[in-house]
Amino acid sequence: MAHPSIQLLHDALNDLRDQASDVTTFCRLWRAQDALFSRLPPRYAEVAEDLLGRLEAGSLFTEESCSFSQEDLLNNLALLLDKAERTLN
């Protein structure tokens, strides 16, 4: 079973992909998961913050004019969550 915070972040990823949420709300939710990231090696928080920063920067531009692919960033965040779940289990 998924850790509740990990499930929350997976749900947030899906909401952003479905355009049921926006990048600002999404990033705020991710950054609020201190309890989750404190249980993981520090590198997880560093990588997440790097990806979130790129996601925020990319949201300021249209997909074509930005060097960051939002879909690639979201895929990398999903991969990070999968690895975090394995680490916690």
Protein backbone atom coordinates (compact mmCIF):
# COMPACT_ATOMS: atom_id res chain seq x y z
CA MET A 1 0.00 0.00 0.00
CA ALA A 2 1.24 3.47 -0.88
CA HIS A 3 2.37 5.82 1.86
CA PRO A 4 -0.44 8.41 2.29
CA SER A 5 1.80 11.34 1.32
CA ILE A 6 3.07 9.48 -1.74
CA GLN A 7 -0.50 8.73 -2.81
CA LEU A 8 -1.39 12.40 -2.29
CA LEU A 9 1.49 13.43 -4.56
CA HIS A 10 0.57 10.84 -7.20
CA ASP A 11 -2.98 12.24 -7.14
CA ALA A 12 -1.60 15.79 -7.49
CA LEU A 13 0.46 14.66 -10.50
CA ASN A 14 -2.65 13.22 -12.12
CA ASP A 15 -4.64 16.39 -11.38
CA LEU A 16 -1.95 18.54 -13.00
CA ARG A 17 -1.79 16.25 -16.03
CA ASP A 18 -5.60 16.41 -16.31
CA GLN A 19 -5.45 20.21 -15.94
CA ALA A 20 -7.56 19.96 -12.78
CA SER A 21 -4.81 21.84 -10.94
CA ASP A 22 -2.14 24.42 -11.74
CA VAL A 23 1.63 24.40 -11.35
CA THR A 24 1.63 26.82 -8.39
CA THR A 25 -0.82 24.72 -6.36
CA PHE A 26 0.98 21.53 -7.36
CA CYS A 27 4.41 22.82 -6.27
CA ARG A 28 3.02 24.21 -3.01
CA LEU A 29 1.54 20.80 -2.18
CA TRP A 30 4.81 19.00 -2.96
CA ARG A 31 6.84 21.41 -0.86
CA ALA A 32 4.47 20.93 2.08
CA GLN A 33 5.40 17.24 2.41
CA ASP A 34 8.21 17.80 4.92
CA ALA A 35 7.26 14.71 6.94
CA LEU A 36 7.63 12.50 3.88
CA PHE A 37 10.92 13.96 2.72
CA SER A 38 12.38 13.87 6.24
CA ARG A 39 12.00 10.06 6.17
CA LEU A 40 13.95 9.79 2.90
CA PRO A 41 17.62 10.40 2.12
CA PRO A 42 18.28 14.14 1.55
CA ARG A 43 18.86 13.60 -2.17
CA TYR A 44 15.12 12.99 -2.69
CA ALA A 45 14.21 16.50 -1.51
CA GLU A 46 17.05 18.00 -3.57
CA VAL A 47 15.94 16.26 -6.76
CA ALA A 48 12.28 17.11 -6.13
CA GLU A 49 13.12 20.78 -5.59
CA ASP A 50 15.19 20.87 -8.79
CA LEU A 51 12.32 19.36 -10.78
CA LEU A 52 9.75 21.67 -9.16
CA GLY A 53 11.89 24.71 -9.95
CA ARG A 54 12.10 23.68 -13.59
CA LEU A 55 8.36 23.03 -13.66
CA GLU A 56 7.68 26.53 -12.29
CA ALA A 57 10.11 28.12 -14.75
CA GLY A 58 8.56 26.21 -17.63
CA SER A 59 5.06 27.28 -16.66
CA LEU A 60 6.01 30.87 -17.46
CA PHE A 61 6.43 29.99 -21.14
CA THR A 62 4.51 28.12 -23.77
CA GLU A 63 5.55 24.49 -24.20
CA GLU A 64 7.26 25.26 -27.52
CA SER A 65 9.42 28.10 -26.21
CA CYS A 66 10.60 26.40 -23.03
CA SER A 67 13.61 24.14 -22.80
CA PHE A 68 11.85 22.04 -20.12
CA SER A 69 9.18 19.60 -21.19
CA GLN A 70 6.42 19.63 -18.58
CA GLU A 71 5.56 16.03 -19.41
CA ASP A 72 9.17 14.93 -18.92
CA LEU A 73 9.34 16.76 -15.59
CA LEU A 74 6.11 15.15 -14.41
CA ASN A 75 7.38 11.73 -15.51
CA ASN A 76 10.55 12.31 -13.51
CA LEU A 77 8.54 13.33 -10.45
CA ALA A 78 6.45 10.15 -10.80
CA LEU A 79 9.67 8.12 -11.00
CA LEU A 80 10.95 9.88 -7.88
CA LEU A 81 7.74 8.93 -6.06
CA ASP A 82 8.07 5.30 -7.14
CA LYS A 83 11.65 5.17 -5.85
CA ALA A 84 10.61 6.93 -2.61
CA GLU A 85 7.90 4.35 -2.05
CA ARG A 86 10.38 1.50 -2.53
CA THR A 87 12.82 3.20 -0.15
CA LEU A 88 10.15 3.56 2.54
CA ASN A 89 9.02 -0.04 2.16
